[in-house]
Amino acid sequence: MYPGTIARLIEAFLKLPGIGPKTAARLAFFVLKMPREEVAGMARALVEARDKTSYCKLCGNYCEGERCVICRDVRRDQAVVCVVQEARDVLAMEKTREFRGYYHVLGGAISPLDGIGPEQLRVRELLERLGGSQVRELILATNPNVEGEATAHYLAKVIKPLGVRVTRIAHGLPVGADLEYADEVTLSRALEGRREM
């Protein structure tokens, strides 16, 4: 139906998560209308990001070198480490402007059905990091789903004997939500995570 170049461009966009055939076609036609310089700049940015981005040797976050900007920031609290599943979760936590410690990215969550156990995650690196360090509290900020909960429980069981305080982020109702539409698990978590006013 489309010339080969357009069909290949649509196929390329279809490889992106959350992009269906209609959106892929819309993006392809948008790119075709862009000035050539902008398209070339976009292509360079894609290739450069892929070639120059790596993982921080300490925490597993995205970086351009040995250490990420967060691990290089000496003003942060060395006594607190927040454990997240993916590198993109670091950005979500940083947007809150509430956390001033360091991070540890696991690279996923325990999921036996998918063949992912602790060995496939950066658990060993976390334990090495905690050994002999100044870390007093480990905040588990894994996703509030079955895999994230399993991962949090496993980490708590393994880390508590090391004498490090292990906490879990609270889960509950999002701002603007109605109680009548919340499920039982979300409401019970909201009650568990309540605090004094």
N, C-alpha and C. Protein backbone atom coordinates (compact mmCIF):
# COMPACT_ATOMS: atom_id res chain seq x y z
N MET A 1 0.83 -1.19 0.00
CA MET A 1 0.00 0.00 0.00
C MET A 1 0.88 1.26 0.00
N TYR A 2 1.91 1.32 0.86
CA TYR A 2 2.82 2.46 0.89
C TYR A 2 4.11 2.09 0.18
N PRO A 3 4.83 3.09 -0.33
CA PRO A 3 6.16 2.80 -0.89
C PRO A 3 7.04 2.16 0.18
N GLY A 4 8.04 1.43 -0.25
CA GLY A 4 8.91 0.69 0.66
C GLY A 4 9.53 1.52 1.76
N THR A 5 9.97 2.75 1.44
CA THR A 5 10.62 3.58 2.46
C THR A 5 9.65 3.96 3.56
N ILE A 6 8.41 4.30 3.19
CA ILE A 6 7.41 4.67 4.19
C ILE A 6 7.00 3.44 5.00
N ALA A 7 6.84 2.31 4.34
CA ALA A 7 6.47 1.07 5.03
C ALA A 7 7.55 0.70 6.06
N ARG A 8 8.83 0.86 5.68
CA ARG A 8 9.91 0.55 6.62
C ARG A 8 9.93 1.52 7.80
N LEU A 9 9.62 2.79 7.53
CA LEU A 9 9.56 3.78 8.60
C LEU A 9 8.43 3.44 9.57
N ILE A 10 7.29 3.07 9.04
CA ILE A 10 6.16 2.67 9.89
C ILE A 10 6.54 1.45 10.72
N GLU A 11 7.18 0.47 10.09
CA GLU A 11 7.63 -0.73 10.82
C GLU A 11 8.61 -0.37 11.93
N ALA A 12 9.47 0.61 11.68
CA ALA A 12 10.42 1.04 12.71
C ALA A 12 9.68 1.63 13.90
N PHE A 13 8.68 2.47 13.66
CA PHE A 13 7.91 3.06 14.75
C PHE A 13 7.09 2.01 15.50
N LEU A 14 6.65 0.96 14.80
CA LEU A 14 5.88 -0.11 15.44
C LEU A 14 6.70 -0.86 16.49
N LYS A 15 8.02 -0.77 16.42
CA LYS A 15 8.87 -1.46 17.39
C LYS A 15 8.90 -0.75 18.74
N LEU A 16 8.43 0.49 18.77
CA LEU A 16 8.41 1.25 20.02
C LEU A 16 7.24 0.78 20.89
N PRO A 17 7.41 0.76 22.21
CA PRO A 17 6.32 0.30 23.09
C PRO A 17 5.13 1.26 23.05
N GLY A 18 3.94 0.69 23.04
CA GLY A 18 2.72 1.49 23.07
C GLY A 18 2.34 2.12 21.75
N ILE A 19 3.05 1.79 20.68
CA ILE A 19 2.76 2.36 19.36
C ILE A 19 2.07 1.31 18.51
N GLY A 20 0.83 1.61 18.12
CA GLY A 20 0.08 0.72 17.24
C GLY A 20 0.21 1.18 15.79
N PRO A 21 -0.41 0.45 14.87
CA PRO A 21 -0.29 0.76 13.44
C PRO A 21 -0.72 2.18 13.06
N LYS A 22 -1.82 2.67 13.63
CA LYS A 22 -2.29 4.02 13.28
C LYS A 22 -1.32 5.09 13.77
N THR A 23 -0.86 4.94 15.00
CA THR A 23 0.08 5.92 15.55
C THR A 23 1.41 5.87 14.79
N ALA A 24 1.85 4.66 14.45
CA ALA A 24 3.11 4.51 13.70
C ALA A 24 3.00 5.21 12.34
N ALA A 25 1.86 5.06 11.67
CA ALA A 25 1.66 5.73 10.39
C ALA A 25 1.62 7.25 10.57
N ARG A 26 0.94 7.71 11.62
CA ARG A 26 0.85 9.15 11.88
C ARG A 26 2.23 9.73 12.15
N LEU A 27 3.06 9.03 12.93
CA LEU A 27 4.42 9.49 13.21
C LEU A 27 5.27 9.50 11.93
N ALA A 28 5.11 8.48 11.11
CA ALA A 28 5.88 8.40 9.87
C ALA A 28 5.54 9.60 8.96
N PHE A 29 4.28 9.89 8.82
CA PHE A 29 3.88 11.01 7.95
C PHE A 29 4.29 12.34 8.56
N PHE A 30 4.32 12.44 9.88
CA PHE A 30 4.79 13.65 10.53
C PHE A 30 6.27 13.86 10.21
N VAL A 31 7.06 12.79 10.30
CA VAL A 31 8.49 12.87 10.01
C VAL A 31 8.72 13.28 8.56
N LEU A 32 7.90 12.78 7.66
CA LEU A 32 8.05 13.12 6.25
C LEU A 32 7.82 14.61 5.99
N LYS A 33 7.04 15.27 6.83
CA LYS A 33 6.76 16.70 6.67
C LYS A 33 7.79 17.58 7.37
N MET A 34 8.62 16.98 8.23
CA MET A 34 9.63 17.75 8.96
C MET A 34 10.74 18.21 8.01
N PRO A 35 11.38 19.34 8.32
CA PRO A 35 12.54 19.74 7.53
C PRO A 35 13.64 18.68 7.66
N ARG A 36 14.39 18.49 6.57
CA ARG A 36 15.42 17.45 6.53
C ARG A 36 16.42 17.60 7.68
N GLU A 37 16.78 18.85 8.03
CA GLU A 37 17.76 19.09 9.09
C GLU A 37 17.25 18.57 10.44
N GLU A 38 15.95 18.74 10.69
CA GLU A 38 15.37 18.26 11.95
C GLU A 38 15.36 16.74 11.99
N VAL A 39 15.05 16.12 10.86
CA VAL A 39 15.05 14.65 10.79
C VAL A 39 16.47 14.13 11.00
N ALA A 40 17.45 14.78 10.37
CA ALA A 40 18.84 14.37 10.54
C ALA A 40 19.27 14.55 11.99
N GLY A 41 18.87 15.64 12.62
CA GLY A 41 19.18 15.87 14.03
C GLY A 41 18.56 14.82 14.93
N MET A 42 17.31 14.44 14.62
CA MET A 42 16.64 13.40 15.39
C MET A 42 17.37 12.07 15.23
N ALA A 43 17.76 11.76 14.03
CA ALA A 43 18.48 10.50 13.76
C ALA A 43 19.82 10.49 14.50
N ARG A 44 20.54 11.61 14.47
CA ARG A 44 21.81 11.70 15.19
C ARG A 44 21.60 11.53 16.70
N ALA A 45 20.55 12.16 17.23
CA ALA A 45 20.26 12.06 18.67
C ALA A 45 19.96 10.62 19.06
N LEU A 46 19.22 9.91 18.23
CA LEU A 46 18.91 8.50 18.51
C LEU A 46 20.17 7.65 18.54
N VAL A 47 21.01 7.80 17.52
CA VAL A 47 22.22 7.01 17.44
C VAL A 47 23.20 7.38 18.55
N GLU A 48 23.33 8.68 18.81
CA GLU A 48 24.25 9.13 19.85
C GLU A 48 23.81 8.63 21.23
N ALA A 49 22.51 8.71 21.52
CA ALA A 49 22.01 8.23 22.81
C ALA A 49 22.26 6.74 22.96
N ARG A 50 22.04 6.00 21.88
CA ARG A 50 22.26 4.54 21.93
C ARG A 50 23.74 4.21 22.10
N ASP A 51 24.62 4.95 21.44
CA ASP A 51 26.05 4.66 21.48
C ASP A 51 26.74 5.14 22.76
N LYS A 52 26.30 6.27 23.30
CA LYS A 52 27.02 6.89 24.41
C LYS A 52 26.42 6.63 25.79
N THR A 53 25.23 6.06 25.84
CA THR A 53 24.59 5.81 27.12
C THR A 53 24.96 4.43 27.64
N SER A 54 25.34 4.39 28.91
CA SER A 54 25.67 3.11 29.55
C SER A 54 25.02 3.10 30.93
N TYR A 55 25.40 2.12 31.73
CA TYR A 55 24.86 2.03 33.08
C TYR A 55 25.93 2.39 34.10
N CYS A 56 25.53 3.14 35.11
CA CYS A 56 26.42 3.54 36.19
C CYS A 56 26.97 2.29 36.87
N LYS A 57 28.28 2.26 37.07
CA LYS A 57 28.92 1.09 37.67
C LYS A 57 28.52 0.90 39.13
N LEU A 58 28.07 1.97 39.80
CA LEU A 58 27.68 1.85 41.20
C LEU A 58 26.20 1.52 41.37
N CYS A 59 25.33 2.33 40.75
CA CYS A 59 23.90 2.17 41.03
C CYS A 59 23.09 1.52 39.91
N GLY A 60 23.59 1.53 38.67
CA GLY A 60 22.84 0.94 37.57
C GLY A 60 21.97 1.92 36.82
N ASN A 61 22.03 3.20 37.16
CA ASN A 61 21.26 4.23 36.47
C ASN A 61 21.92 4.52 35.11
N TYR A 62 21.21 5.19 34.23
CA TYR A 62 21.78 5.59 32.95
C TYR A 62 22.85 6.65 33.17
N CYS A 63 23.91 6.60 32.38
CA CYS A 63 24.96 7.61 32.48
C CYS A 63 25.77 7.66 31.19
N GLU A 64 26.66 8.63 31.13
CA GLU A 64 27.60 8.76 30.02
C GLU A 64 29.01 8.69 30.59
N GLY A 65 29.41 7.55 31.04
CA GLY A 65 30.72 7.37 31.64
C GLY A 65 30.66 6.29 32.70
N GLU A 66 31.51 6.43 33.71
CA GLU A 66 31.59 5.43 34.78
C GLU A 66 30.45 5.57 35.80
N ARG A 67 30.16 6.84 36.19
CA ARG A 67 29.17 7.11 37.24
C ARG A 67 28.12 8.09 36.74
N CYS A 68 26.91 7.93 37.25
CA CYS A 68 25.82 8.84 36.88
C CYS A 68 25.95 10.14 37.68
N VAL A 69 25.19 11.14 37.29
CA VAL A 69 25.25 12.45 37.97
C VAL A 69 24.84 12.35 39.43
N ILE A 70 23.93 11.46 39.75
CA ILE A 70 23.48 11.32 41.14
C ILE A 70 24.59 10.72 42.00
N CYS A 71 25.24 9.67 41.52
CA CYS A 71 26.32 9.03 42.29
C CYS A 71 27.53 9.95 42.43
N ARG A 72 27.69 10.90 41.52
CA ARG A 72 28.81 11.86 41.60
C ARG A 72 28.50 13.03 42.53
N ASP A 73 27.25 13.18 42.94
CA ASP A 73 26.83 14.31 43.77
C ASP A 73 27.15 14.02 45.24
N VAL A 74 28.20 14.63 45.76
CA VAL A 74 28.65 14.39 47.13
C VAL A 74 27.75 15.04 48.18
N ARG A 75 26.82 15.88 47.75
CA ARG A 75 25.91 16.55 48.69
C ARG A 75 24.76 15.63 49.13
N ARG A 76 24.59 14.50 48.47
CA ARG A 76 23.49 13.60 48.79
C ARG A 76 23.79 12.80 50.06
N ASP A 77 22.74 12.28 50.68
CA ASP A 77 22.85 11.54 51.94
C ASP A 77 23.32 10.11 51.67
N GLN A 78 24.53 9.79 52.10
CA GLN A 78 25.11 8.47 51.87
C GLN A 78 24.48 7.39 52.74
N ALA A 79 23.74 7.78 53.75
CA ALA A 79 23.15 6.82 54.69
C ALA A 79 21.86 6.20 54.18
N VAL A 80 21.30 6.73 53.07
CA VAL A 80 20.02 6.24 52.57
C VAL A 80 20.14 5.87 51.09
N VAL A 81 19.67 4.66 50.77
CA VAL A 81 19.66 4.19 49.39
C VAL A 81 18.25 3.75 49.06
N CYS A 82 17.75 4.20 47.92
CA CYS A 82 16.42 3.84 47.44
C CYS A 82 16.58 2.82 46.31
N VAL A 83 15.95 1.66 46.48
CA VAL A 83 16.04 0.60 45.48
C VAL A 83 14.83 0.69 44.55
N VAL A 84 15.10 0.78 43.25
CA VAL A 84 14.04 0.83 42.24
C VAL A 84 14.25 -0.29 41.23
N GLN A 85 13.22 -0.58 40.47
CA GLN A 85 13.30 -1.68 39.50
C GLN A 85 14.09 -1.28 38.25
N GLU A 86 13.76 -0.16 37.66
CA GLU A 86 14.34 0.25 36.38
C GLU A 86 14.98 1.62 36.49
N ALA A 87 15.91 1.91 35.59
CA ALA A 87 16.59 3.21 35.59
C ALA A 87 15.60 4.36 35.40
N ARG A 88 14.56 4.14 34.64
CA ARG A 88 13.58 5.22 34.43
C ARG A 88 12.83 5.56 35.72
N ASP A 89 12.82 4.65 36.70
CA ASP A 89 12.17 4.91 37.99
C ASP A 89 12.94 5.96 38.79
N VAL A 90 14.23 6.09 38.55
CA VAL A 90 15.04 7.10 39.23
C VAL A 90 14.50 8.48 38.89
N LEU A 91 14.20 8.71 37.62
CA LEU A 91 13.67 10.00 37.20
C LEU A 91 12.34 10.29 37.88
N ALA A 92 11.49 9.29 37.99
CA ALA A 92 10.20 9.47 38.66
C ALA A 92 10.40 9.89 40.12
N MET A 93 11.33 9.24 40.79
CA MET A 93 11.61 9.59 42.19
C MET A 93 12.22 10.99 42.30
N GLU A 94 13.11 11.33 41.38
CA GLU A 94 13.77 12.63 41.41
C GLU A 94 12.79 13.76 41.18
N LYS A 95 11.75 13.51 40.41
CA LYS A 95 10.75 14.55 40.14
C LYS A 95 10.04 15.00 41.40
N THR A 96 9.99 14.15 42.42
CA THR A 96 9.33 14.53 43.67
C THR A 96 10.12 15.57 44.43
N ARG A 97 11.42 15.63 44.20
CA ARG A 97 12.34 16.53 44.91
C ARG A 97 12.32 16.29 46.43
N GLU A 98 11.93 15.10 46.83
CA GLU A 98 11.85 14.75 48.25
C GLU A 98 13.02 13.89 48.69
N PHE A 99 13.55 13.07 47.80
CA PHE A 99 14.58 12.12 48.18
C PHE A 99 15.96 12.69 47.88
N ARG A 100 16.84 12.67 48.88
CA ARG A 100 18.18 13.25 48.72
C ARG A 100 19.29 12.22 48.94
N GLY A 101 18.94 10.94 48.91
CA GLY A 101 19.95 9.90 49.07
C GLY A 101 20.41 9.41 47.71
N TYR A 102 20.90 8.18 47.70
CA TYR A 102 21.37 7.56 46.47
C TYR A 102 20.40 6.47 46.04
N TYR A 103 20.63 5.90 44.87
CA TYR A 103 19.75 4.89 44.31
C TYR A 103 20.50 3.60 44.03
N HIS A 104 19.71 2.54 43.88
CA HIS A 104 20.23 1.28 43.35
C HIS A 104 19.16 0.72 42.42
N VAL A 105 19.54 0.51 41.16
CA VAL A 105 18.61 0.01 40.14
C VAL A 105 18.81 -1.50 40.00
N LEU A 106 17.73 -2.25 40.20
CA LEU A 106 17.80 -3.71 40.13
C LEU A 106 17.85 -4.23 38.70
N GLY A 107 17.23 -3.52 37.78
CA GLY A 107 17.17 -4.00 36.40
C GLY A 107 16.00 -4.94 36.15
N GLY A 108 14.97 -4.83 36.98
CA GLY A 108 13.78 -5.67 36.82
C GLY A 108 13.23 -6.07 38.17
N ALA A 109 12.39 -7.11 38.15
CA ALA A 109 11.77 -7.62 39.37
C ALA A 109 11.73 -9.14 39.30
N ILE A 110 11.66 -9.77 40.45
CA ILE A 110 11.57 -11.23 40.50
C ILE A 110 10.26 -11.66 39.86
N SER A 111 10.36 -12.55 38.89
CA SER A 111 9.18 -13.05 38.18
C SER A 111 9.46 -14.49 37.73
N PRO A 112 9.16 -15.47 38.60
CA PRO A 112 9.44 -16.86 38.25
C PRO A 112 8.80 -17.31 36.94
N LEU A 113 7.62 -16.81 36.63
CA LEU A 113 6.95 -17.19 35.38
C LEU A 113 7.74 -16.76 34.15
N ASP A 114 8.49 -15.67 34.29
CA ASP A 114 9.32 -15.17 33.19
C ASP A 114 10.77 -15.64 33.30
N GLY A 115 11.03 -16.50 34.28
CA GLY A 115 12.38 -17.01 34.47
C GLY A 115 13.35 -16.00 35.07
N ILE A 116 12.81 -15.02 35.80
CA ILE A 116 13.67 -13.99 36.42
C ILE A 116 13.70 -14.21 37.93
N GLY A 117 14.87 -14.57 38.40
CA GLY A 117 15.08 -14.72 39.84
C GLY A 117 16.06 -13.67 40.31
N PRO A 118 16.44 -13.71 41.59
CA PRO A 118 17.39 -12.73 42.13
C PRO A 118 18.72 -12.73 41.38
N GLU A 119 19.09 -13.87 40.81
CA GLU A 119 20.37 -13.98 40.10
C GLU A 119 20.39 -13.13 38.83
N GLN A 120 19.25 -12.90 38.24
CA GLN A 120 19.17 -12.10 37.02
C GLN A 120 19.08 -10.60 37.31
N LEU A 121 18.95 -10.25 38.56
CA LEU A 121 18.85 -8.84 38.95
C LEU A 121 20.16 -8.39 39.60
N ARG A 122 20.28 -7.12 39.89
CA ARG A 122 21.49 -6.56 40.49
C ARG A 122 21.44 -6.63 42.02
N VAL A 123 21.04 -7.82 42.53
CA VAL A 123 20.96 -8.03 43.97
C VAL A 123 22.37 -8.22 44.55
N ARG A 124 23.19 -9.01 43.89
CA ARG A 124 24.57 -9.23 44.36
C ARG A 124 25.31 -7.90 44.50
N GLU A 125 25.15 -7.02 43.49
CA GLU A 125 25.79 -5.71 43.54
C GLU A 125 25.28 -4.87 44.71
N LEU A 126 23.98 -5.01 45.01
CA LEU A 126 23.41 -4.28 46.15
C LEU A 126 24.02 -4.78 47.46
N LEU A 127 24.12 -6.08 47.61
CA LEU A 127 24.69 -6.65 48.84
C LEU A 127 26.16 -6.25 48.99
N GLU A 128 26.90 -6.25 47.88
CA GLU A 128 28.31 -5.81 47.92
C GLU A 128 28.39 -4.34 48.33
N ARG A 129 27.47 -3.57 47.82
CA ARG A 129 27.44 -2.13 48.11
C ARG A 129 27.15 -1.87 49.59
N LEU A 130 26.29 -2.69 50.18
CA LEU A 130 25.91 -2.50 51.57
C LEU A 130 27.01 -2.98 52.53
N GLY A 131 27.80 -3.94 52.11
CA GLY A 131 28.85 -4.47 52.97
C GLY A 131 29.90 -3.42 53.27
N GLY A 132 30.03 -3.07 54.52
CA GLY A 132 31.04 -2.10 54.94
C GLY A 132 30.74 -0.67 54.55
N SER A 133 29.51 -0.38 54.16
CA SER A 133 29.18 1.01 53.76
C SER A 133 28.55 1.76 54.92
N GLN A 134 28.22 3.02 54.67
CA GLN A 134 27.60 3.88 55.67
C GLN A 134 26.07 3.83 55.60
N VAL A 135 25.52 2.94 54.77
CA VAL A 135 24.07 2.90 54.56
C VAL A 135 23.38 2.41 55.83
N ARG A 136 22.44 3.24 56.32
CA ARG A 136 21.65 2.89 57.50
C ARG A 136 20.21 2.53 57.15
N GLU A 137 19.72 3.05 56.00
CA GLU A 137 18.34 2.75 55.60
C GLU A 137 18.29 2.43 54.12
N LEU A 138 17.54 1.40 53.81
CA LEU A 138 17.30 1.00 52.43
C LEU A 138 15.80 1.13 52.18
N ILE A 139 15.42 2.01 51.25
CA ILE A 139 14.01 2.21 50.92
C ILE A 139 13.68 1.36 49.69
N LEU A 140 12.72 0.46 49.83
CA LEU A 140 12.32 -0.39 48.72
C LEU A 140 11.18 0.30 47.97
N ALA A 141 11.47 0.73 46.74
CA ALA A 141 10.49 1.45 45.93
C ALA A 141 10.18 0.66 44.66
N THR A 142 9.98 -0.65 44.83
CA THR A 142 9.59 -1.47 43.68
C THR A 142 8.11 -1.26 43.41
N ASN A 143 7.67 -1.64 42.22
CA ASN A 143 6.29 -1.41 41.82
C ASN A 143 5.30 -2.16 42.72
N PRO A 144 4.11 -1.59 42.93
CA PRO A 144 3.11 -2.24 43.78
C PRO A 144 2.31 -3.30 43.04
N ASN A 145 3.01 -4.25 42.41
CA ASN A 145 2.35 -5.37 41.76
C ASN A 145 2.94 -6.66 42.31
N VAL A 146 2.51 -7.80 41.82
CA VAL A 146 2.95 -9.08 42.37
C VAL A 146 4.47 -9.22 42.31
N GLU A 147 5.06 -8.88 41.16
CA GLU A 147 6.51 -9.01 41.00
C GLU A 147 7.26 -8.04 41.92
N GLY A 148 6.79 -6.81 41.97
CA GLY A 148 7.43 -5.80 42.82
C GLY A 148 7.34 -6.15 44.29
N GLU A 149 6.20 -6.67 44.71
CA GLU A 149 6.03 -7.08 46.11
C GLU A 149 6.93 -8.26 46.44
N ALA A 150 7.00 -9.24 45.54
CA ALA A 150 7.86 -10.40 45.76
C ALA A 150 9.32 -9.96 45.87
N THR A 151 9.72 -9.04 45.04
CA THR A 151 11.08 -8.52 45.06
C THR A 151 11.37 -7.80 46.37
N ALA A 152 10.42 -6.96 46.81
CA ALA A 152 10.59 -6.22 48.06
C ALA A 152 10.70 -7.18 49.25
N HIS A 153 9.85 -8.20 49.29
CA HIS A 153 9.89 -9.16 50.39
C HIS A 153 11.21 -9.94 50.39
N TYR A 154 11.66 -10.33 49.22
CA TYR A 154 12.94 -11.05 49.13
C TYR A 154 14.09 -10.18 49.63
N LEU A 155 14.14 -8.94 49.16
CA LEU A 155 15.23 -8.04 49.56
C LEU A 155 15.19 -7.77 51.07
N ALA A 156 13.99 -7.56 51.62
CA ALA A 156 13.88 -7.31 53.06
C ALA A 156 14.42 -8.50 53.85
N LYS A 157 14.08 -9.70 53.41
CA LYS A 157 14.52 -10.92 54.10
C LYS A 157 16.05 -11.06 54.05
N VAL A 158 16.64 -10.70 52.93
CA VAL A 158 18.08 -10.86 52.75
C VAL A 158 18.87 -9.74 53.44
N ILE A 159 18.31 -8.53 53.48
CA ILE A 159 19.07 -7.37 53.95
C ILE A 159 18.91 -7.10 55.45
N LYS A 160 17.76 -7.41 56.02
CA LYS A 160 17.56 -7.12 57.46
C LYS A 160 18.65 -7.72 58.35
N PRO A 161 19.11 -8.95 58.09
CA PRO A 161 20.18 -9.50 58.95
C PRO A 161 21.48 -8.71 58.89
N LEU A 162 21.64 -7.84 57.91
CA LEU A 162 22.86 -7.04 57.80
C LEU A 162 22.85 -5.83 58.74
N GLY A 163 21.72 -5.63 59.44
CA GLY A 163 21.62 -4.52 60.37
C GLY A 163 21.21 -3.21 59.72
N VAL A 164 20.77 -3.26 58.49
CA VAL A 164 20.32 -2.06 57.78
C VAL A 164 18.80 -1.97 57.93
N ARG A 165 18.31 -0.78 58.26
CA ARG A 165 16.86 -0.56 58.35
C ARG A 165 16.27 -0.65 56.95
N VAL A 166 15.24 -1.49 56.79
CA VAL A 166 14.60 -1.67 55.49
C VAL A 166 13.19 -1.13 55.58
N THR A 167 12.86 -0.15 54.71
CA THR A 167 11.52 0.43 54.68
C THR A 167 10.94 0.24 53.28
N ARG A 168 9.63 0.38 53.19
CA ARG A 168 8.91 0.24 51.92
C ARG A 168 8.13 1.51 51.68
N ILE A 169 8.11 2.00 50.44
CA ILE A 169 7.29 3.19 50.16
C ILE A 169 5.83 2.85 50.40
N ALA A 170 5.06 3.83 50.83
CA ALA A 170 3.64 3.63 51.07
C ALA A 170 2.90 3.58 49.74
N HIS A 171 1.84 2.82 49.72
CA HIS A 171 0.99 2.74 48.53
C HIS A 171 -0.41 3.15 48.96
N GLY A 172 -1.14 3.72 48.06
CA GLY A 172 -2.50 4.11 48.42
C GLY A 172 -3.20 4.79 47.28
N LEU A 173 -4.07 5.69 47.63
CA LEU A 173 -4.91 6.37 46.65
C LEU A 173 -4.18 7.52 45.99
N PRO A 174 -4.31 7.64 44.68
CA PRO A 174 -3.73 8.81 44.02
C PRO A 174 -4.54 10.06 44.34
N VAL A 175 -3.91 11.20 44.26
CA VAL A 175 -4.60 12.47 44.51
C VAL A 175 -5.72 12.63 43.48
N GLY A 176 -6.90 12.98 43.95
CA GLY A 176 -8.04 13.18 43.06
C GLY A 176 -8.88 11.93 42.85
N ALA A 177 -8.51 10.81 43.48
CA ALA A 177 -9.26 9.57 43.30
C ALA A 177 -10.49 9.55 44.21
N ASP A 178 -11.50 8.78 43.81
CA ASP A 178 -12.70 8.59 44.62
C ASP A 178 -12.61 7.25 45.34
N LEU A 179 -12.93 7.25 46.63
CA LEU A 179 -12.87 6.02 47.42
C LEU A 179 -13.74 4.92 46.84
N GLU A 180 -14.90 5.28 46.31
CA GLU A 180 -15.83 4.26 45.84
C GLU A 180 -15.27 3.45 44.66
N TYR A 181 -14.28 4.00 43.95
CA TYR A 181 -13.73 3.29 42.80
C TYR A 181 -12.43 2.55 43.12
N ALA A 182 -11.93 2.71 44.33
CA ALA A 182 -10.67 2.07 44.72
C ALA A 182 -10.93 0.61 45.08
N ASP A 183 -9.98 -0.25 44.72
CA ASP A 183 -10.09 -1.66 45.07
C ASP A 183 -9.66 -1.86 46.52
N GLU A 184 -9.95 -3.06 47.07
CA GLU A 184 -9.69 -3.36 48.47
C GLU A 184 -8.21 -3.29 48.82
N VAL A 185 -7.35 -3.78 47.93
CA VAL A 185 -5.92 -3.80 48.19
C VAL A 185 -5.38 -2.37 48.30
N THR A 186 -5.80 -1.50 47.37
CA THR A 186 -5.36 -0.11 47.39
C THR A 186 -5.82 0.59 48.66
N LEU A 187 -7.07 0.36 49.05
CA LEU A 187 -7.59 0.98 50.28
C LEU A 187 -6.87 0.46 51.51
N SER A 188 -6.58 -0.83 51.56
CA SER A 188 -5.89 -1.36 52.74
C SER A 188 -4.47 -0.81 52.81
N ARG A 189 -3.81 -0.65 51.65
CA ARG A 189 -2.47 -0.04 51.64
C ARG A 189 -2.53 1.42 52.07
N ALA A 190 -3.58 2.11 51.65
CA ALA A 190 -3.72 3.51 52.04
C ALA A 190 -3.88 3.62 53.56
N LEU A 191 -4.60 2.67 54.16
CA LEU A 191 -4.76 2.67 55.61
C LEU A 191 -3.44 2.34 56.30
N GLU A 192 -2.70 1.37 55.77
CA GLU A 192 -1.42 0.99 56.36
C GLU A 192 -0.43 2.17 56.32
N GLY A 193 -0.46 2.93 55.23
CA GLY A 193 0.51 4.01 55.05
C GLY A 193 0.06 5.34 55.62
N ARG A 194 -1.00 5.32 56.42
CA ARG A 194 -1.51 6.59 56.96
C ARG A 194 -0.51 7.20 57.92
N ARG A 195 -0.60 8.54 58.09
CA ARG A 195 0.29 9.25 59.00
C ARG A 195 -0.46 10.31 59.75
N GLU A 196 0.10 10.72 60.83
CA GLU A 196 -0.55 11.71 61.68
C GLU A 196 -0.53 13.07 61.02
N MET A 197 -1.61 13.84 61.23
CA MET A 197 -1.70 15.18 60.65
C MET A 197 -1.56 16.24 61.72
